Amino acid sequence: MAAPAHLNWLVNTGKTLKTTDGHTVELWELQHADEPKVLSAWAKHFREHYCDDEMLKKLVAGTGLSNSQYLTTTKFPDVKDKPGPSIRAGDFAEIIVADYIEYKLGYWCPRRFRYDSKFNRNESSKGCDVIGFKFVQDGAENPEDELFVFEAKAAASGKPKSRLQDAIDDSHKDKFREATSLNALKQRFFERGEDGEAAKVARFQNEPDKPFKRISGAAAVHDTTTFDPQMTSAVKTATHFNAPNLKLIVVTGAGLMALVHALYDRAANEA
């Protein structure tokens, strides 16, 4: 599948930072622009994490609401009331990181179940933030198959802070959340009658008998005003359970919170 056009705006700067314990942090930029066609396609892509357009028609029926009203009052985090804005920023960070590992790194990254089944729109979804899978050969298990579990944190406004350290610390917890997250994903595939996809997930549920490569990731998505290179270089990774296989990235973007709100607005208004 071709990468969505907005992924052209996610650019590897070629610059890196070194942490105090020797890990490399890749620096990426979200160079978004005022291009209505790209933004509209991005908004649709974003919206369908919460509710695909075919399901939206069914869910709106009987509510007396427009598509836009339904999305903004039932599916999307609140634009003003706390913690809605921070949940918006967090979901945005997770989704852009999922786009990154799917379209930039080439992993299979099913993620919509994470958002469309929320009971409370103003809460973060539980479990691992982003899970990606890579297979050496279709239909055959190989020890070089990869499970990539990424944690993402956002700092879309406010003062400079070390959100990468927060992501690293939460990534360490994935050692305990991985099994339940994989089980939930497999169950959702079975419920949808997608047994082939469920089998792909099951391939990574029994590491002792069916070994694979485990890669961990931690990402911080920052507004340019909240990113501090010195804070980022000071992060510590030594206590992470998978430190030798830990990938670190920072994504920065100008006017990030305004972009997040604009994307949600377009996603609702163009539904």
Protein backbone atom coordinates (compact mmCIF):
# COMPACT_ATOMS: atom_id res chain seq x y z
CA MET A 1 0.00 0.00 0.00
CA ALA A 2 1.32 3.42 -0.93
CA ALA A 3 2.16 5.74 1.93
CA PRO A 4 -0.38 8.51 2.61
CA ALA A 5 0.71 11.87 1.24
CA HIS A 6 1.10 13.42 4.70
CA LEU A 7 4.01 11.05 5.33
CA ASN A 8 6.01 13.14 2.87
CA TRP A 9 5.92 15.80 5.58
CA LEU A 10 7.60 13.46 8.11
CA VAL A 11 11.25 14.01 7.28
CA ASN A 12 14.41 12.48 8.73
CA THR A 13 16.67 15.46 9.40
CA GLY A 14 19.76 13.27 9.27
CA LYS A 15 20.72 14.68 12.66
CA THR A 16 21.07 12.60 15.81
CA LEU A 17 21.78 13.05 19.50
CA LYS A 18 23.72 10.76 21.81
CA THR A 19 22.35 9.90 25.23
CA THR A 20 24.52 9.73 28.34
CA ASP A 21 24.67 5.94 28.02
CA GLY A 22 25.47 5.88 24.32
CA HIS A 23 22.12 5.39 22.60
CA THR A 24 21.43 7.25 19.37
CA VAL A 25 18.31 9.42 19.11
CA GLU A 26 17.07 10.06 15.58
CA LEU A 27 15.65 13.53 14.97
CA TRP A 28 12.66 13.84 12.63
CA GLU A 29 10.59 16.86 11.61
CA LEU A 30 6.92 17.09 10.74
CA GLN A 31 7.08 19.76 8.04
CA HIS A 32 3.34 20.20 7.58
CA ALA A 33 1.98 22.74 5.11
CA ASP A 34 -1.31 24.37 4.10
CA GLU A 35 -2.19 21.90 1.35
CA PRO A 36 -5.95 21.21 1.56
CA LYS A 37 -5.95 17.98 -0.46
CA VAL A 38 -3.23 16.42 1.66
CA LEU A 39 -4.82 17.64 4.89
CA SER A 40 -8.22 16.26 3.87
CA ALA A 41 -6.75 12.85 3.09
CA TRP A 42 -4.84 12.93 6.36
CA ALA A 43 -8.02 13.85 8.25
CA LYS A 44 -9.87 10.88 6.74
CA HIS A 45 -6.97 8.56 7.62
CA PHE A 46 -6.97 9.98 11.15
CA ARG A 47 -10.77 9.84 11.56
CA GLU A 48 -10.97 6.20 10.57
CA HIS A 49 -8.79 5.20 13.50
CA TYR A 50 -11.78 6.08 15.68
CA CYS A 51 -14.58 5.05 13.36
CA ASP A 52 -14.37 3.98 9.72
CA ASP A 53 -16.70 5.85 7.42
CA GLU A 54 -18.98 2.88 6.75
CA MET A 55 -19.44 2.23 10.46
CA LEU A 56 -19.98 5.95 11.06
CA LYS A 57 -23.15 5.85 8.95
CA LYS A 58 -24.55 3.07 11.13
CA LEU A 59 -23.55 4.61 14.45
CA VAL A 60 -24.96 8.05 13.65
CA ALA A 61 -28.32 6.62 12.62
CA GLY A 62 -30.91 7.19 15.33
CA THR A 63 -28.88 9.72 17.31
CA GLY A 64 -30.32 12.85 15.73
CA LEU A 65 -26.76 14.12 15.33
CA SER A 66 -24.80 15.05 12.25
CA ASN A 67 -21.64 13.12 11.48
CA SER A 68 -19.58 16.02 12.79
CA GLN A 69 -21.60 16.33 16.01
CA TYR A 70 -21.38 12.61 16.66
CA LEU A 71 -17.62 12.49 16.21
CA THR A 72 -16.92 15.53 18.36
CA THR A 73 -19.23 14.50 21.22
CA THR A 74 -18.88 10.72 21.19
CA LYS A 75 -15.64 9.63 19.52
CA PHE A 76 -13.01 12.37 19.61
CA PRO A 77 -11.36 13.67 22.81
CA ASP A 78 -12.75 17.02 23.94
CA VAL A 79 -11.22 20.15 22.47
CA LYS A 80 -11.33 22.17 25.74
CA ASP A 81 -12.32 20.22 28.83
CA LYS A 82 -9.36 18.51 30.52
CA PRO A 83 -7.91 16.01 29.95
CA GLY A 84 -9.33 16.12 26.40
CA PRO A 85 -6.60 18.29 24.83
CA SER A 86 -3.79 16.18 26.26
CA ILE A 87 -5.53 12.99 25.10
CA ARG A 88 -5.79 14.53 21.62
CA ALA A 89 -2.06 15.23 21.62
CA GLY A 90 -1.27 11.75 22.93
CA ASP A 91 -3.45 9.98 20.35
CA PHE A 92 -1.92 12.12 17.61
CA ALA A 93 1.58 11.13 18.76
CA GLU A 94 0.72 7.44 18.78
CA ILE A 95 -0.86 7.56 15.33
CA ILE A 96 2.03 9.45 13.72
CA VAL A 97 4.47 6.96 15.26
CA ALA A 98 2.33 4.09 13.94
CA ASP A 99 2.47 5.74 10.50
CA TYR A 100 6.24 6.01 10.88
CA ILE A 101 6.84 2.33 11.61
CA GLU A 102 4.35 1.19 8.96
CA TYR A 103 5.23 3.47 6.07
CA LYS A 104 8.82 4.46 6.84
CA LEU A 105 10.08 1.17 8.33
CA GLY A 106 7.83 -1.34 6.57
CA TYR A 107 6.08 -3.09 9.47
CA TRP A 108 2.52 -4.39 9.50
CA CYS A 109 0.94 -2.10 12.08
CA PRO A 110 -2.76 -2.77 12.88
CA ARG A 111 -3.84 0.00 15.26
CA ARG A 112 -7.40 1.16 14.70
CA PHE A 113 -8.81 -1.21 17.31
CA ARG A 114 -6.94 0.85 19.89
CA TYR A 115 -9.14 3.90 19.32
CA ASP A 116 -12.48 2.69 17.98
CA SER A 117 -13.29 0.69 21.11
CA LYS A 118 -12.74 3.43 23.70
CA PHE A 119 -15.48 3.58 26.31
CA ASN A 120 -14.35 7.04 27.43
CA ARG A 121 -13.24 9.36 24.67
CA ASN A 122 -11.25 11.45 27.18
CA GLU A 123 -9.03 8.60 28.35
CA SER A 124 -5.95 7.08 26.81
CA SER A 125 -6.31 3.54 25.54
CA LYS A 126 -4.70 0.87 27.69
CA GLY A 127 -1.88 -1.46 26.72
CA CYS A 128 1.10 -1.00 24.41
CA ASP A 129 0.87 2.18 22.32
CA VAL A 130 2.02 0.87 18.94
CA ILE A 131 2.74 -2.70 17.82
CA GLY A 132 4.37 -3.62 14.53
CA PHE A 133 5.12 -6.99 12.95
CA LYS A 134 7.58 -7.96 10.24
CA PHE A 135 7.78 -11.39 8.62
CA VAL A 136 10.76 -12.78 6.73
CA GLN A 137 8.48 -15.00 4.66
CA ASP A 138 4.69 -15.11 4.40
CA GLY A 139 3.18 -18.27 5.84
CA ALA A 140 6.39 -19.50 7.46
CA GLU A 141 7.77 -18.79 10.93
CA ASN A 142 11.35 -17.58 11.07
CA PRO A 143 13.49 -16.62 14.10
CA GLU A 144 14.26 -13.37 12.27
CA ASP A 145 10.59 -12.32 12.31
CA GLU A 146 10.27 -9.09 14.28
CA LEU A 147 7.91 -7.79 16.93
CA PHE A 148 8.31 -4.01 17.36
CA VAL A 149 6.61 -2.43 20.39
CA PHE A 150 6.74 1.38 20.54
CA GLU A 151 5.77 3.84 23.27
CA ALA A 152 4.95 7.41 22.25
CA LYS A 153 4.62 10.57 24.33
CA ALA A 154 3.59 14.08 23.28
CA ALA A 155 4.56 17.57 24.37
CA ALA A 156 2.49 19.69 22.02
CA SER A 157 2.50 22.84 24.17
CA GLY A 158 3.93 24.31 27.36
CA LYS A 159 7.49 24.46 28.65
CA PRO A 160 10.41 22.28 27.49
CA LYS A 161 10.30 18.83 29.04
CA SER A 162 11.85 15.39 28.67
CA ARG A 163 9.05 13.36 27.15
CA LEU A 164 11.53 10.88 25.66
CA GLN A 165 12.45 9.75 29.18
CA ASP A 166 8.75 9.26 29.91
CA ALA A 167 8.44 7.15 26.77
CA ILE A 168 11.50 5.07 27.72
CA ASP A 169 10.13 4.47 31.22
CA ASP A 170 6.74 3.42 29.85
CA SER A 171 8.40 1.25 27.21
CA HIS A 172 10.04 -0.70 30.05
CA LYS A 173 6.52 -1.54 31.26
CA ASP A 174 5.74 -3.16 27.91
CA LYS A 175 7.47 -6.27 29.23
CA PHE A 176 4.31 -6.79 31.30
CA ARG A 177 1.73 -5.33 28.86
CA GLU A 178 2.82 -7.12 25.70
CA ALA A 179 0.97 -10.39 26.30
CA THR A 180 -2.39 -8.78 27.08
CA SER A 181 -2.03 -6.31 24.20
CA LEU A 182 -1.34 -9.11 21.71
CA ASN A 183 -4.25 -11.13 23.08
CA ALA A 184 -6.63 -8.17 22.75
CA LEU A 185 -5.51 -7.55 19.18
CA LYS A 186 -5.92 -11.20 18.23
CA GLN A 187 -9.37 -11.33 19.80
CA ARG A 188 -10.55 -8.30 17.83
CA PHE A 189 -9.40 -9.94 14.60
CA PHE A 190 -11.28 -13.14 15.48
CA GLU A 191 -14.42 -11.11 16.30
CA ARG A 192 -14.25 -9.55 12.83
CA GLY A 193 -13.80 -12.94 11.17
CA GLU A 194 -10.25 -12.07 10.14
CA ASP A 195 -8.63 -15.35 11.15
CA GLY A 196 -5.58 -14.90 8.94
CA GLU A 197 -4.66 -11.66 10.67
CA ALA A 198 -5.28 -13.27 14.07
CA ALA A 199 -2.84 -16.03 13.14
CA LYS A 200 -0.19 -13.42 12.32
CA VAL A 201 -0.53 -12.01 15.82
CA ALA A 202 -0.52 -15.49 17.39
CA ARG A 203 2.87 -16.17 15.81
CA PHE A 204 4.37 -13.83 18.45
CA GLN A 205 2.63 -15.25 21.54
CA ASN A 206 4.95 -18.18 22.33
CA GLU A 207 8.55 -16.97 22.18
CA PRO A 208 10.18 -20.00 23.92
CA ASP A 209 8.85 -22.43 21.31
CA LYS A 210 8.69 -20.00 18.39
CA PRO A 211 11.55 -17.51 18.82
CA PHE A 212 11.55 -14.09 17.16
CA LYS A 213 13.37 -10.76 17.42
CA ARG A 214 11.92 -8.24 19.85
CA ILE A 215 12.56 -4.55 19.22
CA SER A 216 11.45 -1.82 21.59
CA GLY A 217 10.93 1.81 20.72
CA ALA A 218 10.41 5.10 22.51
CA ALA A 219 9.29 8.26 20.74
CA ALA A 220 8.67 11.83 21.84
CA VAL A 221 6.55 14.08 19.63
CA HIS A 222 7.36 17.70 20.48
CA ASP A 223 6.32 21.15 19.43
CA THR A 224 9.48 23.03 18.52
CA THR A 225 8.98 25.15 21.67
CA THR A 226 8.93 22.14 24.03
CA PHE A 227 11.97 20.33 22.64
CA ASP A 228 15.25 20.70 24.53
CA PRO A 229 18.23 18.82 23.02
CA GLN A 230 20.10 18.84 26.34
CA MET A 231 17.17 17.24 28.16
CA THR A 232 16.94 14.65 25.41
CA SER A 233 20.64 13.80 25.57
CA ALA A 234 20.33 13.34 29.34
CA VAL A 235 17.83 10.46 29.11
CA LYS A 236 18.80 7.11 30.62
CA THR A 237 18.14 3.72 29.08
CA ALA A 238 20.33 1.34 31.10
CA THR A 239 17.50 -0.13 33.19
CA HIS A 240 15.27 -0.85 30.18
CA PHE A 241 14.61 -4.58 29.85
CA ASN A 242 15.46 -4.52 26.13
CA ALA A 243 18.09 -1.77 26.11
CA PRO A 244 20.32 -3.37 23.41
CA ASN A 245 17.35 -3.37 21.02
CA LEU A 246 15.82 -0.01 21.92
CA LYS A 247 15.16 2.52 19.14
CA LEU A 248 14.79 6.19 20.11
CA ILE A 249 13.28 8.98 18.00
CA VAL A 250 12.11 12.54 18.50
CA VAL A 251 9.65 14.20 16.12
CA THR A 252 9.34 17.98 16.23
CA GLY A 253 6.82 20.23 14.51
CA ALA A 254 5.96 23.91 14.60
CA GLY A 255 2.52 24.89 15.90
CA LEU A 256 1.86 21.29 16.86
CA MET A 257 -1.18 21.75 19.11
CA ALA A 258 -2.83 24.00 16.54
CA LEU A 259 -2.20 21.29 13.95
CA VAL A 260 -3.70 18.63 16.22
CA HIS A 261 -6.90 20.64 16.78
CA ALA A 262 -7.14 21.53 13.09
CA LEU A 263 -6.82 17.87 12.12
CA TYR A 264 -9.60 16.83 14.49
CA ASP A 265 -11.80 19.67 13.23
CA ARG A 266 -11.26 18.71 9.59
CA ALA A 267 -11.80 15.04 10.40
CA ALA A 268 -15.19 15.86 11.92
CA ASN A 269 -16.36 18.53 9.49
CA GLU A 270 -15.47 16.56 6.36
CA ALA A 271 -17.02 13.29 7.53
